[in-house]
Structure formats: C-alpha cells, structure tokens
C-alpha cells in the first residue's frame, strides 16, 4: 500500500513538473502554427509550387523555432539573474543595516493590519532567520517571486512545440510530394491547421484560466487573420512582379 502511494505521489509530482511548462508549449505551438501557416498561405497566394512551399515552410519552421526558443531561454535566464542580483542586495542590507530592514518589515506588516504585540511577534519570527527575512523582503518589498523553471527546459519545450504544431500546415504538402494527394491541398491544409489551432487554443485556456470557447476562438481567429494577410500579400506581390 505504501509503495502504491509512493508511485502515485511520484506520478503526480512528474505531471505537475511537466504542467509547469504548459505555457511554453502552448505559446510555442501557437507561434509555430501561425507563422508556418502564414508562410504556406503567402506562398499559395503567390502561386508557388509545392516543392517551394515545402522548402520555405521548413526553413521558417526550424529557423524561427530556434530563434524563439533562444529568446525564451535568454528571457528566463535574464529574469532569474535579475532575481538573484536583488536577492544578494537584500542579504547585504539585512546584514549591514538590520535595524532599518527590521523597520521596513514592521511597516509592511503594519499596513497589513498587524499592530502592537502581535506585530512585534510577527517581526521577531521573520527576522530571526535571515533566509526567511530576505524571502519576505523579496516578495513584500520588491514584489519579486523566484521562478523555479529551468531556462534550458523552457527553451527546449518552446522549440519542440514550435516544431510539432508548426508541422501541421506542412504535413499535407509533404504527403503530396511523396505519395500524392487527390484533393485541394490548401483547403485540406487549412482544415488540418484549424484543428491544430483549436487544440492549442483549448490548452491555452488551462494556462490563462479563461473561457474555453473564447480561448479557442481567439487562437483560431489569430491564425485565420495571419493567413489572410499573407495570402493577399503573396498574391499582390506575384501580380506586381509578373506584370
């Protein structure tokens, strides 16, 4: 029985750990599907061959995905470094100016409604431990929370989701190039990509904690608008260049 509970606890912890990166997966997937579908739509609007669409699509997929993942990695590292910098400053101030820092803690909790002996007891407990003291100052004075995510995993999850979801708009074109496809390629691609938008939009609602239909509709609308703009830009440029 204890072994079973340990397994369940481990599985729950693992799921929670992966769930921490759901936001990166969702936003990487949205960017991947929108930008790749926009490339496909623009290429179709310009009347380019399927082989060219595949080349442009995959070039965009891997290059943009890499750039986005690097951006996500650097952004996370920057936030973490900034947090650690301010934390070092707080440790220094607690050690160098304990009286002044204690007064700041008193003022913070006085504004929360604590007063008299109870206020002093709360302040005594907080200032009795430097780590606790600094944590309170980081949260209450600087309004900074430590991000426990791995910057490498943030970048990796972003890249993987960008590639996986971004492959959807290209999948039928690859299928057609290898085995042939009897139907309307762009129509089929639009349907598949729309399903991808629906799935990613649904997952996004778990991150933003918003209405399911609203989250799906917003993501779908974003993809459609990007595709329409790209299609007509491609069509316009093709007419200008060839006429």
Protein backbone atom coordinates (compact mmCIF):
# COMPACT_ATOMS: atom_id res chain seq x y z
CA UNK A 1 0.00 0.00 0.00
CA UNK A 2 2.82 2.40 0.89
CA UNK A 3 4.62 1.52 -2.35
CA UNK A 4 1.44 2.24 -4.32
CA UNK A 5 1.09 5.64 -2.61
CA UNK A 6 4.73 6.46 -3.38
CA UNK A 7 4.18 5.63 -7.06
CA UNK A 8 1.07 7.81 -7.19
CA UNK A 9 2.94 10.65 -5.46
CA UNK A 10 5.83 10.35 -7.92
CA UNK A 11 3.45 10.34 -10.91
CA UNK A 12 1.59 13.35 -9.53
CA UNK A 13 4.86 15.22 -8.98
CA UNK A 14 6.06 14.37 -12.51
CA UNK A 15 2.78 15.56 -14.04
CA UNK A 16 2.97 18.78 -12.04
CA UNK A 17 6.54 19.33 -13.21
CA UNK A 18 5.54 18.94 -16.88
CA UNK A 19 2.46 21.09 -16.32
CA UNK A 20 4.76 23.94 -15.23
CA UNK A 21 5.94 24.18 -18.84
CA UNK A 22 2.47 24.03 -20.42
CA UNK A 23 2.56 27.78 -21.03
CA UNK A 24 5.79 27.49 -23.04
CA UNK A 25 4.33 24.57 -25.02
CA UNK A 26 1.14 26.49 -25.80
CA UNK A 27 2.78 29.75 -26.88
CA UNK A 28 5.48 27.96 -28.84
CA UNK A 29 2.78 25.93 -30.59
CA UNK A 30 0.69 28.99 -31.38
CA UNK A 31 3.67 30.80 -32.87
CA UNK A 32 4.76 27.73 -34.82
CA UNK A 33 1.37 27.05 -36.35
CA UNK A 34 0.55 30.69 -37.10
CA UNK A 35 3.88 31.61 -38.73
CA UNK A 36 4.18 28.38 -40.73
CA UNK A 37 0.59 28.58 -41.95
CA UNK A 38 1.22 32.21 -42.88
CA UNK A 39 4.22 31.12 -44.99
CA UNK A 40 2.11 28.46 -46.70
CA UNK A 41 -0.77 30.88 -47.33
CA UNK A 42 1.55 33.55 -48.70
CA UNK A 43 3.23 31.03 -50.98
CA UNK A 44 -0.12 29.76 -52.27
CA UNK A 45 -1.23 33.35 -52.86
CA UNK A 46 1.94 33.89 -54.90
CA UNK A 47 1.24 30.74 -56.92
CA UNK A 48 4.43 28.92 -55.86
CA UNK A 49 4.95 25.20 -56.43
CA UNK A 50 4.51 22.67 -53.63
CA UNK A 51 8.27 21.98 -53.56
CA UNK A 52 8.98 25.69 -52.96
CA UNK A 53 6.30 25.82 -50.28
CA UNK A 54 7.93 22.87 -48.50
CA UNK A 55 11.38 24.50 -48.66
CA UNK A 56 10.16 27.87 -47.41
CA UNK A 57 7.97 26.25 -44.77
CA UNK A 58 10.68 24.09 -43.27
CA UNK A 59 13.24 26.88 -43.43
CA UNK A 60 10.84 29.09 -41.47
CA UNK A 61 9.90 26.26 -39.12
CA UNK A 62 13.40 25.42 -37.94
CA UNK A 63 14.92 28.90 -38.09
CA UNK A 64 12.05 30.74 -36.40
CA UNK A 65 11.59 27.93 -33.91
CA UNK A 66 15.25 28.11 -32.94
CA UNK A 67 15.13 31.90 -32.65
CA UNK A 68 12.01 31.76 -30.48
CA UNK A 69 13.46 29.07 -28.20
CA UNK A 70 16.69 31.06 -27.76
CA UNK A 71 14.61 34.12 -26.93
CA UNK A 72 12.60 32.17 -24.35
CA UNK A 73 15.81 30.75 -22.83
CA UNK A 74 17.53 34.15 -22.60
CA UNK A 75 14.41 35.83 -21.22
CA UNK A 76 14.10 33.22 -18.45
CA UNK A 77 17.81 33.43 -17.62
CA UNK A 78 17.62 37.22 -17.52
CA UNK A 79 14.69 37.15 -15.08
CA UNK A 80 16.45 34.61 -12.88
CA UNK A 81 19.71 36.58 -12.89
CA UNK A 82 17.81 39.75 -12.04
CA UNK A 83 16.11 37.99 -9.13
CA UNK A 84 19.44 36.69 -7.79
CA UNK A 85 21.02 40.15 -8.11
CA UNK A 86 18.30 41.75 -5.99
CA UNK A 87 18.43 38.86 -3.54
CA UNK A 88 22.16 39.44 -2.97
CA UNK A 89 21.43 43.12 -2.32
CA UNK A 90 18.78 42.20 0.24
CA UNK A 91 21.18 39.84 2.04
CA UNK A 92 23.73 42.63 2.20
CA UNK A 93 21.20 45.12 3.56
CA UNK A 94 19.91 42.67 6.17
CA UNK A 95 23.46 42.09 7.41
CA UNK A 96 24.68 45.70 7.12
CA UNK A 97 21.54 47.60 8.20
CA UNK A 98 19.46 45.21 10.32
CA UNK A 99 17.65 47.95 12.27
CA UNK A 100 16.50 49.76 9.13
CA UNK A 101 15.47 46.50 7.45
CA UNK A 102 13.54 45.47 10.56
CA UNK A 103 11.66 48.78 10.43
CA UNK A 104 10.75 48.05 6.81
CA UNK A 105 9.31 44.67 7.83
CA UNK A 106 7.34 46.36 10.61
CA UNK A 107 5.93 48.90 8.18
CA UNK A 108 4.97 46.22 5.66
CA UNK A 109 3.01 44.22 8.24
CA UNK A 110 1.57 47.31 9.90
CA UNK A 111 -0.02 48.15 6.55
CA UNK A 112 -1.45 44.62 6.50
CA UNK A 113 -3.31 45.37 9.75
CA UNK A 114 -0.92 43.97 12.37
CA UNK A 115 -0.23 46.16 15.39
CA UNK A 116 1.04 46.16 18.97
CA UNK A 117 2.46 42.99 20.49
CA UNK A 118 1.23 40.79 17.64
CA UNK A 119 3.11 42.94 15.14
CA UNK A 120 6.33 42.63 17.15
CA UNK A 121 5.90 38.86 17.41
CA UNK A 122 5.46 38.54 13.65
CA UNK A 123 8.50 40.72 13.00
CA UNK A 124 10.57 38.75 15.56
CA UNK A 125 9.72 35.47 13.84
CA UNK A 126 10.57 36.81 10.38
CA UNK A 127 13.84 38.49 11.37
CA UNK A 128 15.02 35.51 13.44
CA UNK A 129 16.03 33.72 10.22
CA UNK A 130 17.98 35.57 7.50
CA UNK A 131 16.71 33.37 4.68
CA UNK A 132 13.11 33.89 5.75
CA UNK A 133 13.79 37.59 6.24
CA UNK A 134 15.21 38.02 2.75
CA UNK A 135 12.38 35.98 1.20
CA UNK A 136 9.84 38.28 2.85
CA UNK A 137 11.64 41.38 1.61
CA UNK A 138 11.82 39.98 -1.93
CA UNK A 139 8.10 39.23 -2.01
CA UNK A 140 6.65 42.07 0.02
CA UNK A 141 9.02 44.96 -0.72
CA UNK A 142 10.26 44.21 -4.24
CA UNK A 143 7.25 42.10 -5.33
CA UNK A 144 9.56 39.53 -6.89
CA UNK A 145 8.93 35.77 -6.93
CA UNK A 146 11.55 33.17 -7.72
CA UNK A 147 10.95 31.23 -10.92
CA UNK A 148 11.94 27.61 -10.35
CA UNK A 149 11.76 26.67 -14.03
CA UNK A 150 14.85 25.51 -15.87
CA UNK A 151 15.79 28.04 -18.55
CA UNK A 152 17.06 25.18 -20.73
CA UNK A 153 13.75 23.32 -20.44
CA UNK A 154 11.82 26.49 -21.20
CA UNK A 155 13.78 26.89 -24.44
CA UNK A 156 13.57 23.17 -25.28
CA UNK A 157 9.81 22.90 -24.72
CA UNK A 158 9.26 26.06 -26.77
CA UNK A 159 11.30 24.65 -29.65
CA UNK A 160 9.67 21.21 -29.57
CA UNK A 161 6.15 22.64 -29.51
CA UNK A 162 7.01 25.12 -32.28
CA UNK A 163 8.21 22.25 -34.48
CA UNK A 164 5.42 19.77 -33.61
CA UNK A 165 2.48 22.13 -34.07
CA UNK A 166 4.19 24.04 -36.87
CA UNK A 167 4.49 20.81 -38.89
CA UNK A 168 0.71 20.61 -39.27
CA UNK A 169 0.43 23.22 -42.08
CA UNK A 170 3.21 21.46 -43.98
CA UNK A 171 2.11 17.86 -43.47
CA UNK A 172 -0.23 17.58 -46.49
CA UNK A 173 2.31 19.23 -48.80
CA UNK A 174 4.93 16.68 -47.73
CA UNK A 175 2.38 13.87 -48.18
CA UNK A 176 1.52 15.16 -51.64
CA UNK A 177 5.19 15.44 -52.61
CA UNK A 178 5.96 11.85 -51.52
CA UNK A 179 2.75 9.92 -52.19
CA UNK A 180 0.41 12.33 -53.96
CA UNK A 181 -2.82 13.94 -52.77
CA UNK A 182 -6.02 13.96 -54.82
CA UNK A 183 -7.87 16.79 -53.06
CA UNK A 184 -7.38 20.54 -52.73
CA UNK A 185 -4.08 20.92 -50.91
CA UNK A 186 -4.63 24.36 -49.45
CA UNK A 187 -8.19 23.58 -48.34
CA UNK A 188 -7.05 20.37 -46.65
CA UNK A 189 -4.16 22.21 -45.03
CA UNK A 190 -6.49 24.94 -43.79
CA UNK A 191 -8.78 22.35 -42.17
CA UNK A 192 -5.90 20.50 -40.50
CA UNK A 193 -4.33 23.72 -39.29
CA UNK A 194 -7.67 24.92 -37.93
CA UNK A 195 -7.89 21.72 -35.88
CA UNK A 196 -4.38 22.46 -34.61
CA UNK A 197 -5.48 25.98 -33.62
CA UNK A 198 -8.47 24.52 -31.78
CA UNK A 199 -6.28 22.10 -29.80
CA UNK A 200 -3.69 24.72 -28.90
CA UNK A 201 -6.40 27.25 -28.07
CA UNK A 202 -8.02 24.71 -25.76
CA UNK A 203 -4.69 24.11 -23.99
CA UNK A 204 -4.14 27.85 -23.72
CA UNK A 205 -7.27 28.18 -21.58
CA UNK A 206 -5.60 26.00 -18.92
CA UNK A 207 -2.72 28.46 -18.79
CA UNK A 208 -4.79 31.65 -18.83
CA UNK A 209 -7.74 30.12 -16.93
CA UNK A 210 -10.22 31.72 -19.32
CA UNK A 211 -13.38 30.54 -21.03
CA UNK A 212 -12.76 27.51 -23.28
CA UNK A 213 -14.73 28.77 -26.29
CA UNK A 214 -13.18 32.23 -26.02
CA UNK A 215 -9.63 30.83 -25.90
CA UNK A 216 -10.26 28.58 -28.92
CA UNK A 217 -11.95 31.36 -30.90
CA UNK A 218 -9.11 33.84 -30.22
CA UNK A 219 -6.43 31.39 -31.37
CA UNK A 220 -8.41 30.37 -34.45
CA UNK A 221 -9.09 34.00 -35.38
CA UNK A 222 -5.40 34.88 -34.97
CA UNK A 223 -4.39 32.10 -37.34
CA UNK A 224 -7.05 32.99 -39.92
CA UNK A 225 -6.11 36.69 -39.94
CA UNK A 226 -2.40 35.90 -40.31
CA UNK A 227 -3.15 33.52 -43.20
CA UNK A 228 -5.42 36.02 -44.96
CA UNK A 229 -2.83 38.80 -44.72
CA UNK A 230 -0.07 36.51 -46.00
CA UNK A 231 -2.21 35.12 -48.82
CA UNK A 232 -3.19 38.51 -50.21
CA UNK A 233 0.30 39.94 -49.78
CA UNK A 234 1.68 36.96 -51.71
CA UNK A 235 -1.00 37.35 -54.39
CA UNK A 236 -0.34 41.10 -54.70
CA UNK A 237 3.42 40.71 -54.97
CA UNK A 238 3.06 37.93 -57.54
CA UNK A 239 0.92 40.20 -59.72
CA UNK A 240 3.29 43.15 -59.34
CA UNK A 241 6.42 41.13 -60.16
CA UNK A 242 4.97 39.18 -63.08
CA UNK A 243 3.12 42.05 -64.70
